[in-house]
C-alpha atoms as a PDB file:
ATOM      1  CA  MET A   1       0.145  -0.076  -0.057  1.00  0.00           C
ATOM      2  CA  GLU A   2       1.439   3.154  -1.406  1.00  0.00           C
ATOM      3  CA  PRO A   3       1.197   6.826   0.941  1.00  0.00           C
ATOM      4  CA  ASP A   4      -1.402   9.120  -0.775  1.00  0.00           C
ATOM      5  CA  PHE A   5       0.633  12.102  -1.085  1.00  0.00           C
ATOM      6  CA  ARG A   6       0.578  14.775  -3.641  1.00  0.00           C
ATOM      7  CA  GLU A   7       2.518  17.997  -4.776  1.00  0.00           C
ATOM      8  CA  GLY A   8       2.144  20.947  -1.611  1.00  0.00           C
ATOM      9  CA  ASP A   9       0.987  18.396   0.541  1.00  0.00           C
ATOM     10  CA  GLN A  10       2.804  19.149   4.228  1.00  0.00           C
ATOM     11  CA  VAL A  11       4.419  16.327   5.817  1.00  0.00           C
ATOM     12  CA  LEU A  12       6.260  15.532   8.859  1.00  0.00           C
ATOM     13  CA  VAL A  13       9.614  13.261   8.304  1.00  0.00           C
ATOM     14  CA  SER A  14      10.784  10.391  10.272  1.00  0.00           C
ATOM     15  CA  THR A  15      14.254  10.960  12.331  1.00  0.00           C
ATOM     16  CA  LEU A  16      14.837   7.334  12.289  1.00  0.00           C
ATOM     17  CA  ASN A  17      17.724   7.036   9.834  1.00  0.00           C
ATOM     18  CA  PHE A  18      19.189  10.438  10.593  1.00  0.00           C
ATOM     19  CA  ASN A  19      22.281  10.190  12.146  1.00  0.00           C
ATOM     20  CA  ASN A  20      23.342  13.861  12.335  1.00  0.00           C
ATOM     21  CA  LEU A  21      21.042  14.752  15.195  1.00  0.00           C
ATOM     22  CA  LYS A  22      22.754  15.886  18.619  1.00  0.00           C
ATOM     23  CA  GLY A  23      21.663  14.461  21.740  1.00  0.00           C
ATOM     24  CA  PRO A  24      20.410  11.560  23.467  1.00  0.00           C
ATOM     25  CA  LYS A  25      18.350   8.916  21.312  1.00  0.00           C
ATOM     26  CA  LYS A  26      15.221   9.058  23.471  1.00  0.00           C
ATOM     27  CA  MET A  27      15.365  12.946  24.046  1.00  0.00           C
ATOM     28  CA  ARG A  28      15.100  13.457  20.363  1.00  0.00           C
ATOM     29  CA  ASN A  29      11.870  14.154  18.155  1.00  0.00           C
ATOM     30  CA  SER A  30      10.232  11.323  16.452  1.00  0.00           C
ATOM     31  CA  PHE A  31       9.307  12.987  13.083  1.00  0.00           C
ATOM     32  CA  VAL A  32      10.708  17.087  11.941  1.00  0.00           C
ATOM     33  CA  GLY A  33       8.695  19.236   9.924  1.00  0.00           C
ATOM     34  CA  PRO A  34       5.980  20.315   8.425  1.00  0.00           C
ATOM     35  CA  PHE A  35       7.924  20.044   4.856  1.00  0.00           C
ATOM     36  CA  THR A  36       6.056  21.010   2.016  1.00  0.00           C
ATOM     37  CA  ILE A  37       6.384  17.979  -1.176  1.00  0.00           C
ATOM     38  CA  ILE A  38       7.030  20.076  -4.121  1.00  0.00           C
ATOM     39  CA  LYS A  39       7.782  17.367  -6.143  1.00  0.00           C
ATOM     40  CA  LEU A  40       7.427  13.439  -6.344  1.00  0.00           C
ATOM     41  CA  ILE A  41       9.916  10.881  -7.032  1.00  0.00           C
ATOM     42  CA  GLY A  42       9.254   7.729  -7.550  1.00  0.00           C
ATOM     43  CA  LYS A  43       7.332   5.471  -5.546  1.00  0.00           C
ATOM     44  CA  ASN A  44       9.672   6.394  -2.290  1.00  0.00           C
ATOM     45  CA  ALA A  45      10.906   9.690  -2.915  1.00  0.00           C
ATOM     46  CA  VAL A  46       9.915  13.366  -2.612  1.00  0.00           C
ATOM     47  CA  GLU A  47      11.121  16.828  -3.143  1.00  0.00           C
ATOM     48  CA  PHE A  48      10.667  19.364  -0.253  1.00  0.00           C
ATOM     49  CA  GLN A  49      10.392  22.822   0.164  1.00  0.00           C
ATOM     50  CA  LYS A  50      13.445  24.581   1.598  1.00  0.00           C
ATOM     51  CA  GLU A  51      12.675  26.338   4.911  1.00  0.00           C
ATOM     52  CA  GLU A  52      14.113  29.956   5.531  1.00  0.00           C
ATOM     53  CA  GLU A  53      16.862  30.273   7.231  1.00  0.00           C
ATOM     54  CA  LYS A  54      16.166  31.389  10.622  1.00  0.00           C
ATOM     55  CA  PHE A  55      18.547  32.827  13.218  1.00  0.00           C
ATOM     56  CA  PRO A  56      17.560  33.581  16.914  1.00  0.00           C
ATOM     57  CA  SER A  57      17.133  36.988  17.820  1.00  0.00           C
ATOM     58  CA  ARG A  58      20.458  37.493  20.512  1.00  0.00           C
ATOM     59  CA  LYS A  59      22.460  36.668  17.068  1.00  0.00           C
ATOM     60  CA  LYS A  60      21.207  39.491  15.600  1.00  0.00           C
ATOM     61  CA  ASN A  61      22.986  42.927  16.173  1.00  0.00           C
ATOM     62  CA  PRO A  62      22.525  46.290  15.466  1.00  0.00           C
ATOM     63  CA  THR A  63      24.658  48.296  13.373  1.00  0.00           C
ATOM     64  CA  PRO A  64      27.531  50.036  14.540  1.00  0.00           C
ATOM     65  CA  PRO A  65      27.865  53.980  15.009  1.00  0.00           C
ATOM     66  CA  GLU A  66      29.083  55.286  11.940  1.00  0.00           C
ATOM     67  CA  ILE A  67      32.563  57.132  13.055  1.00  0.00           C
ATOM     68  CA  VAL A  68      32.611  60.706  11.018  1.00  0.00           C
ATOM     69  CA  GLU A  69      35.617  61.728   9.008  1.00  0.00           C
ATOM     70  CA  VAL A  70      37.676  64.378   9.270  1.00  0.00           C
ATOM     71  CA  GLU A  71      36.762  65.760   6.114  1.00  0.00           C
ATOM     72  CA  ASP A  72      33.234  66.162   7.503  1.00  0.00           C
ATOM     73  CA  SER A  73      34.446  67.858  10.299  1.00  0.00           C
ATOM     74  CA  PRO A  74      33.028  71.712  10.608  1.00  0.00           C
ATOM     75  CA  GLY A  75      36.118  73.055  11.340  1.00  0.00           C
ATOM     76  CA  PRO A  76      39.157  73.216  13.316  1.00  0.00           C
ATOM     77  CA  VAL A  77      38.478  71.463  16.912  1.00  0.00           C
ATOM     78  CA  LYS A  78      38.101  74.112  19.775  1.00  0.00           C
ATOM     79  CA  LYS A  79      38.437  70.794  22.839  1.00  0.00           C
ATOM     80  CA  ILE A  80      37.757  67.329  23.729  1.00  0.00           C
ATOM     81  CA  ILE A  81      35.390  67.165  26.557  1.00  0.00           C
ATOM     82  CA  ASN A  82      34.136  63.522  26.900  1.00  0.00           C
ATOM     83  CA  THR A  83      35.477  60.249  25.815  1.00  0.00           C
ATOM     84  CA  ARG A  84      33.512  56.721  25.404  1.00  0.00           C
ATOM     85  CA  LYS A  85      34.647  53.136  24.792  1.00  0.00           C
ATOM     86  CA  ILE A  86      32.645  51.444  21.960  1.00  0.00           C
ATOM     87  CA  ARG A  87      32.799  47.958  20.597  1.00  0.00           C
ATOM     88  CA  LEU A  88      33.123  47.835  16.634  1.00  0.00           C
ATOM     89  CA  ASN A  89      33.762  45.053  14.624  1.00  0.00           C
ATOM     90  CA  GLY A  90      34.471  42.874  17.466  1.00  0.00           C
ATOM     91  CA  LYS A  91      36.650  45.413  18.968  1.00  0.00           C
ATOM     92  CA  ASP A  92      36.908  47.808  21.899  1.00  0.00           C
ATOM     93  CA  GLN A  93      37.458  51.512  20.586  1.00  0.00           C
ATOM     94  CA  ARG A  94      37.705  54.309  22.434  1.00  0.00           C
ATOM     95  CA  GLN A  95      35.628  57.649  20.634  1.00  0.00           C
ATOM     96  CA  TYR A  96      35.787  61.564  21.604  1.00  0.00           C
ATOM     97  CA  SER A  97      33.534  64.206  21.910  1.00  0.00           C
ATOM     98  CA  VAL A  98      34.957  67.183  19.576  1.00  0.00           C
ATOM     99  CA  ARG A  99      33.867  70.414  20.250  1.00  0.00           C
ATOM    100  CA  PHE A 100      34.939  72.545  17.138  1.00  0.00           C
ATOM    101  CA  LYS A 101      35.512  76.421  17.013  1.00  0.00           C
ATOM    102  CA  LYS A 102      32.436  78.964  16.061  1.00  0.00           C
ATOM    103  CA  GLN A 103      30.100  75.747  16.652  1.00  0.00           C
ATOM    104  CA  THR A 104      27.770  75.412  19.305  1.00  0.00           C
ATOM    105  CA  ALA A 105      27.554  72.312  21.137  1.00  0.00           C
ATOM    106  CA  ASP A 106      24.913  70.795  19.219  1.00  0.00           C
ATOM    107  CA  LYS A 107      26.820  70.392  16.428  1.00  0.00           C
ATOM    108  CA  ASP A 108      29.636  68.378  18.896  1.00  0.00           C
ATOM    109  CA  ARG A 109      30.655  64.884  17.177  1.00  0.00           C
ATOM    110  CA  TRP A 110      32.089  61.431  18.235  1.00  0.00           C
ATOM    111  CA  LEU A 111      35.241  60.870  16.404  1.00  0.00           C
ATOM    112  CA  ALA A 112      38.100  58.262  16.913  1.00  0.00           C
ATOM    113  CA  GLU A 113      41.805  59.558  18.191  1.00  0.00           C
ATOM    114  CA  ASN A 114      43.055  58.941  14.717  1.00  0.00           C
ATOM    115  CA  THR A 115      40.991  61.201  13.137  1.00  0.00           C
ATOM    116  CA  ILE A 116      40.877  64.130  15.270  1.00  0.00           C
ATOM    117  CA  PRO A 117      43.183  67.188  13.586  1.00  0.00           C
ATOM    118  CA  ASP A 118      45.960  67.351  16.116  1.00  0.00           C
ATOM    119  CA  GLY A 119      44.558  65.076  17.988  1.00  0.00           C
ATOM    120  CA  ASN A 120      47.350  64.309  20.235  1.00  0.00           C
ATOM    121  CA  LEU A 121      47.814  68.254  22.016  1.00  0.00           C
ATOM    122  CA  HIS A 122      43.652  68.034  22.494  1.00  0.00           C
ATOM    123  CA  LEU A 123      43.843  64.899  24.139  1.00  0.00           C
ATOM    124  CA  ARG A 124      47.238  66.362  26.094  1.00  0.00           C
ATOM    125  CA  ARG A 125      45.324  68.885  27.399  1.00  0.00           C
ATOM    126  CA  LEU A 126      41.998  66.867  28.158  1.00  0.00           C
ATOM    127  CA  ARG A 127      44.068  64.534  30.719  1.00  0.00           C
ATOM    128  CA  ALA A 128      45.902  67.705  31.842  1.00  0.00           C
ATOM    129  CA  SER A 129      42.574  69.089  33.131  1.00  0.00           C
ATOM    130  CA  ARG A 130      40.871  65.692  34.152  1.00  0.00           C
ATOM    131  CA  ARG A 131      44.114  65.299  36.270  1.00  0.00           C
ATOM    132  CA  THR A 132      44.141  68.800  37.499  1.00  0.00           C
ATOM    133  CA  GLU A 133      40.264  68.269  38.331  1.00  0.00           C
ATOM    134  CA  GLN A 134      41.126  64.800  40.553  1.00  0.00           C
ATOM    135  CA  SER A 135      43.691  66.785  42.769  1.00  0.00           C
ATOM    136  CA  HIS A 136      41.264  69.386  43.590  1.00  0.00           C
ATOM    137  CA  GLN A 137      38.794  66.721  44.764  1.00  0.00           C
END
């Protein structure tokens, strides 16, 4: 007696002969699916529609924040205000909040150290000001 399957039917597949499933045999599901039949191949074989790949939501990461290049800067740097560490492409990176000359605070930008014009000079000033703040406390 042949099973009564047609193209488009949804069926469950027995896992009895699956060797690639992990875990103890008694804990595995006996059947997986449902799968949609897209083609009948002979008496005992069918072709299934491939399922879409699904990823757990914890594997999805938001896109990293954009680092502004020097060409986009609105002028020379007045001072560095603050620092932060962010994780970019799997690595920690330090960014600095930069205030530009003749610009208001809403134009401040977060830049990487190597993209700040005269970055060494401004970073020395920031570190010196933080040392004096700590010594006065």
